[in-house]
Amino acid sequence: MPATPSATAIDELHFRLRGGLYGPDDPEYADACTLFNSAVDRRPLLVARCAAPDDVIAALAFAREHHLPVAVRGGGHSVTGRSLCDGLVLDMRGMRDVEVDPDARIARIGGGATWADVDRATGAHGLATTGGRVSTTGVAGLTMGGGSGWLERKHGLACDNLVAADVVTADGDLVRVSETENPDLLWALRGGGANFGVVTSLELRLHPLEREILAGLVLHPAERAQDALRLFRDLMLDAPEELGLAFAYITAPEEPDVPAELHNKPAVMIAGMYAGPVAEGERVLRPLREFGPPAADFFEPTTYAEFQCSIDDPPGYRNYWTAENLDSLPDEAIEAIDRRAAELPAGPSQIFIVPWGGAVARADAESSPLAGREARFVVHPLLLWENATDDERMVALGRAFREDLAPYASGAAYLNFLGDEGAARVRAGFTEGSFERLTRVKATWDPRNVFEGNQALGPAALRSREATLS
């Protein structure tokens, strides 16, 4: 049973931490407990702001001594709320340094860094790596869950670019992880989730990128959605890998550059970038930009770091996420998506459709546990709303999208796009045999299930493995 720490024990931990220790009466506590998904309302006993691996080790020792549950908070984008718990939260945002080795093309990234931190640091050297499309997302969490982003068709998912990490284990040991050091743990971190330890730093492979790229979006009214989606599908099936796009059903914002007749109305956007010379991007994107023509065209030369933060999702809303992998996107699926999208309420909710292929599909099957890489499209209902009274309706809408897409779905799941949908969906996120292998890695590095990631590999999975072995 959890033991209530004495004031003396709390003072001792506070003294040991370089980053700081906060309770409910401290102003820093509220910031640490504010997540992207406002439907998550948990009040930890304590928040340890970690500024170095020694802080993580000390905080975990305190949690073990007092039998406290532990959560790890980075960017705070875990839709299921795994960034918080009722016990001790390790706030990693004091560790967000990014060191770039331009010759080796490697970035060494603190465990609390966000993609905005990485993109700015690497862009200064004409380099980049696949990162999340929301710049405030934590690098470690997104990478360990797979890591979809604009550069994925050219350079693979974020996890495919993970070459090493430093990890504090449940027992408080700081271990190095690479292809030659604890390689099984490296494999698990490439998509197996935050189930194995606290990543205090990670090293990502970098790739050359033009300092100025063509990026942005086009907007169309909702009545043009099906035609626009068919054009998007056909373009992406044969597009060069440098082209990273996404299609979304949205509510057009009330902004000066958006035509007034679209303000707060249902619309669709096609957003993305070309990871090559601007002139090439102009040629490749011409059919997309000439179709309609668009109600608005915001494609322009810009930097990768600027584009990465240009369409960030707004924080502070209640969230429900789900997704389906599709091997193709036939007209019938487009019609089903369009019909259901008509039920989206005005506001920040969207249906986000990502094309895969290229380097995502080419990755060595043994390098990562992730399933579903053969998908050509991932359809991601991303539902955000304000009032708790709408919870049931919005969750039902997300599930309705999955039911509509069932005839076209591959059965695999990309877990970074999912909320809590049960054990079967977790297993669907991993290739055959990978789930069992992940539970073995879990049993080695965290047998007491101190760390519970979105891709939960907890006690039930461990008991199942033990029963098989007995």
Protein backbone atom coordinates (compact mmCIF):
# COMPACT_ATOMS: atom_id res chain seq x y z
CA MET A 1 0.00 0.00 0.00
CA PRO A 2 1.21 3.57 -0.65
CA ALA A 3 2.77 5.17 2.40
CA THR A 4 2.26 8.87 3.08
CA PRO A 5 5.75 10.39 3.09
CA SER A 6 6.67 12.38 6.16
CA ALA A 7 7.48 16.06 5.93
CA THR A 8 11.08 15.17 6.71
CA ALA A 9 11.26 12.68 3.83
CA ILE A 10 9.76 15.25 1.44
CA ASP A 11 12.26 17.87 2.60
CA GLU A 12 15.12 15.43 2.03
CA LEU A 13 13.96 14.74 -1.53
CA HIS A 14 13.57 18.46 -2.18
CA PHE A 15 17.14 18.99 -1.00
CA ARG A 16 18.46 16.28 -3.35
CA LEU A 17 16.73 17.55 -6.50
CA ARG A 18 18.42 20.14 -8.66
CA GLY A 19 15.17 20.84 -10.47
CA GLY A 20 12.70 21.27 -7.62
CA LEU A 21 9.82 19.52 -5.85
CA TYR A 22 6.26 20.84 -5.88
CA GLY A 23 3.04 20.14 -4.04
CA PRO A 24 -0.55 21.30 -4.54
CA ASP A 25 0.12 24.67 -2.88
CA ASP A 26 2.97 25.61 -5.21
CA PRO A 27 2.30 27.64 -8.40
CA GLU A 28 4.54 25.31 -10.44
CA TYR A 29 2.30 22.37 -9.51
CA ALA A 30 -0.69 23.66 -11.53
CA ASP A 31 1.44 24.07 -14.64
CA ALA A 32 2.80 20.54 -14.35
CA CYS A 33 -0.71 19.13 -13.95
CA THR A 34 -2.14 20.93 -17.01
CA LEU A 35 -2.17 18.55 -19.95
CA PHE A 36 -3.14 18.86 -23.60
CA ASN A 37 -6.28 16.80 -22.88
CA SER A 38 -8.30 18.78 -20.35
CA ALA A 39 -10.57 15.77 -19.71
CA VAL A 40 -7.70 14.35 -17.63
CA ASP A 41 -8.00 15.66 -14.07
CA ARG A 42 -5.53 14.01 -11.72
CA ARG A 43 -3.87 15.52 -8.67
CA PRO A 44 -0.48 13.98 -7.92
CA LEU A 45 0.85 13.94 -4.39
CA LEU A 46 4.10 15.51 -5.59
CA VAL A 47 5.77 16.71 -8.80
CA ALA A 48 9.54 16.34 -9.13
CA ARG A 49 11.01 18.71 -11.72
CA CYS A 50 14.01 16.80 -13.04
CA ALA A 51 17.03 18.72 -14.31
CA ALA A 52 19.48 15.79 -14.62
CA PRO A 53 19.51 11.98 -14.54
CA ASP A 54 20.44 12.09 -10.85
CA ASP A 55 17.11 13.82 -10.16
CA VAL A 56 15.27 10.99 -11.90
CA ILE A 57 17.20 8.40 -9.89
CA ALA A 58 16.48 10.19 -6.60
CA ALA A 59 12.78 10.61 -7.38
CA LEU A 60 12.37 6.96 -8.32
CA ALA A 61 14.12 5.88 -5.12
CA PHE A 62 11.69 8.04 -3.14
CA ALA A 63 8.73 6.50 -4.97
CA ARG A 64 10.00 2.96 -4.30
CA GLU A 65 10.52 3.67 -0.61
CA HIS A 66 7.01 5.06 -0.18
CA HIS A 67 5.27 2.70 -2.65
CA LEU A 68 4.06 5.58 -4.79
CA PRO A 69 2.84 5.22 -8.38
CA VAL A 70 5.00 7.05 -10.91
CA ALA A 71 4.21 8.97 -14.09
CA VAL A 72 6.56 10.69 -16.51
CA ARG A 73 5.52 14.04 -17.93
CA GLY A 74 7.23 15.53 -21.00
CA GLY A 75 5.12 17.47 -23.48
CA GLY A 76 1.93 16.39 -21.71
CA HIS A 77 0.25 15.15 -24.91
CA SER A 78 -0.68 11.65 -23.73
CA VAL A 79 -4.36 11.55 -24.68
CA THR A 80 -5.02 8.85 -22.10
CA GLY A 81 -3.48 10.94 -19.33
CA ARG A 82 -0.46 8.75 -18.64
CA SER A 83 1.54 11.94 -18.03
CA LEU A 84 -0.05 12.15 -14.57
CA CYS A 85 -0.81 9.79 -11.69
CA ASP A 86 -1.94 10.05 -8.08
CA GLY A 87 1.57 9.56 -6.71
CA LEU A 88 4.84 11.10 -7.92
CA VAL A 89 5.13 12.78 -11.34
CA LEU A 90 8.56 13.18 -12.91
CA ASP A 91 8.36 16.45 -14.86
CA MET A 92 11.11 16.13 -17.45
CA ARG A 93 10.83 19.64 -18.86
CA GLY A 94 13.96 20.73 -17.01
CA MET A 95 15.92 18.48 -19.41
CA ARG A 96 15.37 19.89 -22.89
CA ASP A 97 18.84 20.70 -24.19
CA VAL A 98 19.52 19.73 -27.81
CA GLU A 99 23.11 19.16 -28.96
CA VAL A 100 23.66 18.77 -32.71
CA ASP A 101 26.67 17.00 -34.23
CA PRO A 102 26.42 18.19 -37.84
CA ASP A 103 29.28 15.97 -39.01
CA ALA A 104 27.82 12.77 -37.57
CA ARG A 105 24.29 14.04 -38.32
CA ILE A 106 23.10 13.13 -34.85
CA ALA A 107 21.07 15.17 -32.37
CA ARG A 108 21.39 14.37 -28.66
CA ILE A 109 18.10 15.46 -27.11
CA GLY A 110 17.06 15.87 -23.48
CA GLY A 111 14.21 13.69 -22.28
CA GLY A 112 11.93 16.70 -21.72
CA ALA A 113 12.47 18.43 -25.07
CA THR A 114 9.66 19.21 -27.48
CA TRP A 115 9.83 19.09 -31.25
CA ALA A 116 10.05 22.89 -31.38
CA ASP A 117 13.33 22.62 -29.44
CA VAL A 118 14.70 20.04 -31.87
CA ASP A 119 13.55 21.70 -35.09
CA ARG A 120 15.14 25.03 -34.23
CA ALA A 121 18.45 23.47 -33.20
CA THR A 122 18.79 21.13 -36.18
CA GLY A 123 17.52 23.67 -38.72
CA ALA A 124 20.45 25.94 -37.90
CA HIS A 125 22.67 23.28 -39.51
CA GLY A 126 20.45 22.54 -42.51
CA LEU A 127 19.37 19.26 -40.92
CA ALA A 128 16.11 17.74 -39.70
CA THR A 129 14.51 14.50 -38.63
CA THR A 130 10.95 13.22 -38.62
CA GLY A 131 9.06 14.87 -35.78
CA GLY A 132 5.49 15.37 -34.70
CA ARG A 133 3.18 17.73 -36.57
CA VAL A 134 2.45 19.54 -33.28
CA SER A 135 5.57 21.34 -32.13
CA THR A 136 4.67 21.23 -28.41
CA THR A 137 4.63 17.42 -28.36
CA GLY A 138 7.38 15.75 -26.32
CA VAL A 139 10.14 14.15 -28.39
CA ALA A 140 10.61 11.11 -26.17
CA GLY A 141 6.96 10.15 -25.89
CA LEU A 142 6.21 10.56 -29.57
CA THR A 143 9.33 8.67 -30.64
CA MET A 144 8.67 5.74 -28.32
CA GLY A 145 5.16 5.45 -29.73
CA GLY A 146 6.32 5.46 -33.36
CA GLY A 147 6.40 9.11 -34.39
CA SER A 148 4.46 10.15 -37.50
CA GLY A 149 5.44 13.43 -39.16
CA TRP A 150 5.86 15.32 -42.41
CA LEU A 151 9.21 13.72 -43.25
CA GLU A 152 8.16 10.11 -42.64
CA ARG A 153 7.77 9.09 -46.30
CA LYS A 154 11.33 10.28 -46.99
CA HIS A 155 13.12 9.36 -43.75
CA GLY A 156 10.87 6.96 -41.84
CA LEU A 157 9.03 7.43 -38.56
CA ALA A 158 10.74 9.12 -35.63
CA CYS A 159 11.41 5.73 -34.03
CA ASP A 160 13.21 4.59 -37.19
CA ASN A 161 15.71 7.39 -36.58
CA LEU A 162 16.36 6.51 -32.93
CA VAL A 163 19.96 5.29 -32.70
CA ALA A 164 20.64 5.48 -28.95
CA ALA A 165 19.20 6.54 -25.61
CA ASP A 166 20.05 6.89 -21.93
CA VAL A 167 17.43 5.29 -19.71
CA VAL A 168 16.89 5.22 -15.95
CA THR A 169 15.37 1.88 -15.06
CA ALA A 170 12.75 1.14 -12.43
CA ASP A 171 15.55 0.09 -10.08
CA GLY A 172 17.32 3.43 -10.54
CA ASP A 173 20.13 2.31 -12.84
CA LEU A 174 21.24 4.61 -15.66
CA VAL A 175 21.84 2.43 -18.72
CA ARG A 176 23.03 3.14 -22.23
CA VAL A 177 20.92 1.78 -25.09
CA SER A 178 22.16 1.35 -28.66
CA GLU A 179 22.59 -1.28 -31.36
CA THR A 180 25.51 -2.73 -29.38
CA GLU A 181 24.42 -1.95 -25.80
CA ASN A 182 21.14 -3.44 -24.58
CA PRO A 183 19.86 -3.78 -28.17
CA ASP A 184 16.60 -5.45 -27.07
CA LEU A 185 15.71 -2.34 -25.10
CA LEU A 186 16.50 -0.12 -28.10
CA TRP A 187 14.18 -2.27 -30.22
CA ALA A 188 11.42 -1.90 -27.62
CA LEU A 189 11.83 1.88 -27.45
CA ARG A 190 11.28 2.05 -31.22
CA GLY A 191 7.52 1.94 -30.93
CA GLY A 192 6.87 -0.12 -27.80
CA GLY A 193 5.87 2.94 -25.79
CA ALA A 194 6.97 4.45 -22.50
CA ASN A 195 6.83 1.13 -20.70
CA PHE A 196 10.46 0.39 -19.91
CA GLY A 197 12.09 3.27 -18.06
CA VAL A 198 12.64 7.03 -18.02
CA VAL A 199 14.44 8.24 -21.13
CA THR A 200 16.74 11.03 -19.99
CA SER A 201 18.25 11.57 -23.43
CA LEU A 202 17.87 10.15 -26.89
CA GLU A 203 19.90 10.36 -30.06
CA LEU A 204 18.16 10.78 -33.40
CA ARG A 205 19.61 10.47 -36.88
CA LEU A 206 19.44 13.71 -38.89
CA HIS A 207 19.07 14.31 -42.61
CA PRO A 208 19.95 17.23 -44.89
CA LEU A 209 17.03 19.54 -45.60
CA GLU A 210 16.83 22.72 -47.64
CA ARG A 211 16.97 25.75 -45.37
CA GLU A 212 13.93 27.03 -47.25
CA ILE A 213 11.13 24.65 -48.23
CA LEU A 214 7.72 24.99 -49.84
CA ALA A 215 5.08 24.37 -47.16
CA GLY A 216 1.63 25.46 -46.12
CA LEU A 217 -1.97 24.50 -46.91
CA VAL A 218 -4.92 25.03 -49.22
CA LEU A 219 -8.53 25.43 -48.07
CA HIS A 220 -11.71 24.30 -49.81
CA PRO A 221 -15.38 24.56 -48.83
CA ALA A 222 -16.92 21.34 -47.51
CA GLU A 223 -19.00 20.74 -50.66
CA ARG A 224 -15.76 20.17 -52.57
CA ALA A 225 -14.45 17.65 -50.01
CA GLN A 226 -14.93 14.38 -51.89
CA ASP A 227 -13.33 15.65 -55.08
CA ALA A 228 -10.46 17.15 -53.13
CA LEU A 229 -9.92 13.92 -51.20
CA ARG A 230 -9.86 11.87 -54.40
CA LEU A 231 -7.29 14.25 -55.87
CA PHE A 232 -5.22 13.99 -52.67
CA ARG A 233 -5.42 10.17 -52.77
CA ASP A 234 -4.39 9.92 -56.42
CA LEU A 235 -1.55 12.41 -56.00
CA MET A 236 -0.10 10.66 -52.96
CA LEU A 237 -0.23 7.15 -54.40
CA ASP A 238 2.53 8.06 -56.89
CA ALA A 239 4.07 11.13 -55.25
CA PRO A 240 7.81 11.50 -54.68
CA GLU A 241 8.82 10.65 -51.14
CA GLU A 242 9.82 14.26 -50.54
CA LEU A 243 6.12 15.20 -50.55
CA GLY A 244 4.55 14.98 -47.11
CA LEU A 245 0.89 15.96 -46.98
CA ALA A 246 -2.21 15.44 -44.86
CA PHE A 247 -5.91 15.95 -45.58
CA ALA A 248 -8.29 17.18 -42.89
CA TYR A 249 -11.95 18.00 -42.40
CA ILE A 250 -11.97 21.13 -40.21
CA THR A 251 -13.91 24.20 -39.22
CA ALA A 252 -12.39 27.13 -41.09
CA PRO A 253 -10.98 29.65 -38.59
CA GLU A 254 -12.12 33.23 -38.37
CA GLU A 255 -8.83 34.77 -39.40
CA PRO A 256 -8.09 37.75 -41.67
CA ASP A 257 -6.41 35.65 -44.38
CA VAL A 258 -9.30 33.18 -44.59
CA PRO A 259 -12.16 34.23 -46.88
CA ALA A 260 -15.06 35.59 -44.83
CA GLU A 261 -17.54 33.21 -46.46
CA LEU A 262 -15.62 30.28 -44.91
CA HIS A 263 -15.37 31.66 -41.37
CA ASN A 264 -16.59 29.08 -38.83
CA LYS A 265 -17.93 26.91 -41.66
CA PRO A 266 -17.14 23.26 -42.45
CA ALA A 267 -14.13 23.08 -44.76
CA VAL A 268 -11.28 20.82 -45.77
CA MET A 269 -7.59 21.54 -45.90
CA ILE A 270 -4.64 19.85 -47.54
CA ALA A 271 -1.49 20.74 -45.64
CA GLY A 272 2.13 19.73 -45.84
CA MET A 273 5.54 20.34 -47.33
CA TYR A 274 8.03 19.33 -49.98
CA ALA A 275 11.40 18.21 -48.60
CA GLY A 276 13.43 19.42 -51.55
CA PRO A 277 14.15 22.56 -53.57
CA VAL A 278 11.29 25.06 -53.65
CA ALA A 279 11.15 24.98 -57.47
CA GLU A 280 10.63 21.21 -57.42
CA GLY A 281 7.93 21.62 -54.80
CA GLU A 282 6.16 24.19 -56.96
CA ARG A 283 6.04 21.69 -59.83
CA VAL A 284 4.92 18.70 -57.74
CA LEU A 285 2.23 20.67 -55.91
CA ARG A 286 0.87 22.48 -58.97
CA PRO A 287 -2.07 20.07 -59.57
CA LEU A 288 -3.11 20.40 -55.95
CA ARG A 289 -2.88 24.19 -55.91
CA GLU A 290 -4.71 24.60 -59.23
CA PHE A 291 -7.63 22.34 -58.35
CA GLY A 292 -10.83 24.23 -57.60
CA PRO A 293 -9.21 26.70 -57.41
CA PRO A 294 -8.77 26.69 -53.62
CA ALA A 295 -10.69 29.16 -51.50
CA ALA A 296 -7.29 30.03 -50.03
CA ASP A 297 -3.71 29.00 -50.81
CA PHE A 298 -1.13 29.45 -48.03
CA PHE A 299 1.74 27.47 -49.57
CA GLU A 300 4.91 29.56 -49.57
CA PRO A 301 8.67 29.27 -49.05
CA THR A 302 9.45 29.00 -45.33
CA THR A 303 11.69 27.14 -42.91
CA TYR A 304 10.89 23.67 -41.63
CA ALA A 305 10.89 24.89 -38.01
CA GLU A 306 8.40 27.64 -38.82
CA PHE A 307 6.08 25.30 -40.68
CA GLN A 308 6.27 22.70 -37.90
CA CYS A 309 4.57 25.06 -35.46
CA SER A 310 2.18 26.72 -37.91
CA ILE A 311 -0.79 24.36 -37.47
CA ASP A 312 -0.38 23.29 -33.85
CA ASP A 313 -3.55 21.87 -32.32
CA PRO A 314 -4.94 24.11 -29.56
CA PRO A 315 -4.46 22.91 -25.94
CA GLY A 316 -7.08 22.98 -23.24
CA TYR A 317 -9.86 20.97 -24.89
CA ARG A 318 -11.31 17.61 -23.97
CA ASN A 319 -10.00 14.95 -26.35
CA TYR A 320 -10.98 11.62 -27.86
CA TRP A 321 -8.72 10.06 -30.51
CA THR A 322 -8.98 6.97 -32.63
CA ALA A 323 -7.65 5.79 -36.01
CA GLU A 324 -7.78 3.11 -38.67
CA ASN A 325 -5.06 1.92 -41.04
CA LEU A 326 -6.27 1.50 -44.61
CA ASP A 327 -4.45 -0.45 -47.33
CA SER A 328 -6.22 1.75 -49.88
CA LEU A 329 -8.71 4.60 -49.96
CA PRO A 330 -11.46 3.57 -52.39
CA ASP A 331 -14.23 5.93 -53.42
CA GLU A 332 -16.64 4.10 -51.11
CA ALA A 333 -14.40 4.84 -48.11
CA ILE A 334 -14.14 8.48 -49.16
CA GLU A 335 -17.93 8.70 -49.32
CA ALA A 336 -18.25 7.11 -45.86
CA ILE A 337 -15.72 9.53 -44.37
CA ASP A 338 -17.45 12.50 -45.97
CA ARG A 339 -20.90 11.47 -44.72
CA ARG A 340 -19.71 11.06 -41.15
CA ALA A 341 -17.64 14.24 -41.24
CA ALA A 342 -20.89 16.17 -41.65
CA GLU A 343 -21.53 15.35 -37.96
CA LEU A 344 -18.40 17.15 -36.75
CA PRO A 345 -19.39 20.04 -34.47
CA ALA A 346 -17.99 23.48 -35.21
CA GLY A 347 -14.70 24.03 -33.45
CA PRO A 348 -11.29 22.37 -33.26
CA SER A 349 -12.34 18.77 -34.04
CA GLN A 350 -11.02 17.33 -37.28
CA ILE A 351 -10.66 14.19 -39.33
CA PHE A 352 -6.98 13.92 -40.17
CA ILE A 353 -5.85 11.63 -42.99
CA VAL A 354 -2.16 10.79 -43.39
CA PRO A 355 -0.63 9.04 -46.43
CA TRP A 356 2.11 6.52 -45.68
CA GLY A 357 4.36 4.56 -48.03
CA GLY A 358 7.97 5.21 -48.90
CA ALA A 359 10.39 4.90 -46.00
CA VAL A 360 7.61 4.01 -43.54
CA ALA A 361 6.95 0.78 -45.44
CA ARG A 362 10.62 0.09 -46.26
CA ALA A 363 11.82 -0.10 -42.67
CA ASP A 364 13.40 -3.39 -41.63
CA ALA A 365 10.68 -5.47 -39.99
CA GLU A 366 13.13 -6.51 -37.26
CA SER A 367 14.08 -2.95 -36.32
CA SER A 368 10.81 -2.07 -34.57
CA PRO A 369 7.74 -3.81 -33.11
CA LEU A 370 5.28 -1.58 -35.00
CA ALA A 371 2.62 -3.17 -37.18
CA GLY A 372 0.70 -1.68 -40.08
CA ARG A 373 3.55 -0.08 -41.98
CA GLU A 374 2.09 -1.31 -45.25
CA ALA A 375 -0.89 1.05 -44.82
CA ARG A 376 -1.26 3.62 -47.57
CA PHE A 377 -3.49 5.89 -45.47
CA VAL A 378 -4.22 6.35 -41.76
CA VAL A 379 -7.57 7.97 -40.98
CA HIS A 380 -7.42 9.72 -37.60
CA PRO A 381 -10.57 11.23 -36.03
CA LEU A 382 -9.11 13.85 -33.71
CA LEU A 383 -12.03 15.05 -31.63
CA LEU A 384 -11.72 18.08 -29.35
CA TRP A 385 -14.51 19.84 -27.45
CA GLU A 386 -15.10 22.05 -24.42
CA ASN A 387 -17.95 20.76 -22.26
CA ALA A 388 -18.09 17.53 -20.29
CA THR A 389 -21.78 17.25 -21.18
CA ASP A 390 -20.68 16.45 -24.74
CA ASP A 391 -18.36 13.60 -23.75
CA GLU A 392 -20.72 10.74 -24.61
CA ARG A 393 -21.70 12.24 -27.97
CA MET A 394 -18.13 12.90 -29.06
CA VAL A 395 -16.84 9.46 -28.06
CA ALA A 396 -19.76 7.90 -29.94
CA LEU A 397 -18.85 9.94 -33.00
CA GLY A 398 -15.27 8.69 -32.90
CA ARG A 399 -16.44 5.10 -32.62
CA ALA A 400 -18.88 5.63 -35.48
CA PHE A 401 -15.98 6.58 -37.75
CA ARG A 402 -14.28 3.30 -36.89
CA GLU A 403 -17.45 1.35 -37.66
CA ASP A 404 -17.81 3.13 -41.01
CA LEU A 405 -14.21 2.31 -41.93
CA ALA A 406 -14.25 -1.31 -40.75
CA PRO A 407 -14.86 -2.73 -44.27
CA TYR A 408 -11.71 -0.98 -45.51
CA ALA A 409 -9.45 -1.28 -42.45
CA SER A 410 -6.37 -3.52 -42.40
CA GLY A 411 -6.79 -4.51 -38.75
CA ALA A 412 -3.48 -2.95 -37.69
CA ALA A 413 -3.40 0.12 -35.44
CA TYR A 414 -1.04 3.06 -35.08
CA LEU A 415 -1.10 3.47 -31.32
CA ASN A 416 0.11 7.07 -31.13
CA PHE A 417 -3.20 8.08 -32.73
CA LEU A 418 -5.35 6.12 -30.26
CA GLY A 419 -6.85 6.72 -26.86
CA ASP A 420 -7.60 3.89 -24.45
CA GLU A 421 -9.34 1.28 -26.64
CA GLY A 422 -8.48 -1.93 -24.82
CA ALA A 423 -5.95 -4.75 -24.98
CA ALA A 424 -6.96 -6.05 -28.41
CA ARG A 425 -6.20 -2.71 -30.03
CA VAL A 426 -2.83 -2.55 -28.27
CA ARG A 427 -1.92 -5.94 -29.71
CA ALA A 428 -3.05 -4.74 -33.15
CA GLY A 429 -0.32 -2.11 -32.97
CA PHE A 430 2.47 -4.69 -33.01
CA THR A 431 3.72 -7.21 -35.55
CA GLU A 432 3.27 -10.93 -35.01
CA GLY A 433 5.40 -12.07 -32.09
CA SER A 434 6.36 -8.52 -31.11
CA PHE A 435 3.86 -8.21 -28.27
CA GLU A 436 5.27 -11.33 -26.60
CA ARG A 437 8.80 -10.08 -27.13
CA LEU A 438 7.87 -6.70 -25.64
CA THR A 439 6.50 -8.38 -22.52
CA ARG A 440 9.80 -10.23 -22.15
CA VAL A 441 11.69 -6.93 -22.37
CA LYS A 442 9.23 -5.45 -19.89
CA ALA A 443 9.77 -8.34 -17.47
CA THR A 444 13.52 -7.78 -17.66
CA TRP A 445 13.60 -4.02 -17.15
CA ASP A 446 10.39 -3.25 -15.24
CA PRO A 447 8.92 -6.40 -13.70
CA ARG A 448 6.91 -4.41 -11.11
CA ASN A 449 5.23 -2.34 -13.86
CA VAL A 450 6.38 0.99 -12.50
CA PHE A 451 5.99 2.57 -15.94
CA GLU A 452 2.68 2.37 -17.75
CA GLY A 453 2.73 3.75 -21.27
CA ASN A 454 -0.18 4.18 -23.66
CA GLN A 455 0.88 0.87 -25.19
CA ALA A 456 0.18 -0.83 -21.86
CA LEU A 457 2.27 -3.93 -21.23
CA GLY A 458 1.30 -4.22 -17.60
CA PRO A 459 0.51 -6.96 -15.12
CA ALA A 460 -2.08 -8.75 -17.27
CA ALA A 461 0.38 -9.15 -20.12
CA LEU A 462 3.11 -10.28 -17.73
CA ARG A 463 0.80 -12.82 -16.05
CA SER A 464 -0.15 -14.16 -19.46
CA ARG A 465 3.51 -14.64 -20.32
CA GLU A 466 4.25 -16.34 -17.00
CA ALA A 467 1.32 -18.73 -17.51
CA THR A 468 2.70 -19.63 -20.93
CA LEU A 469 6.13 -20.35 -19.48
CA SER A 470 4.90 -22.40 -16.54
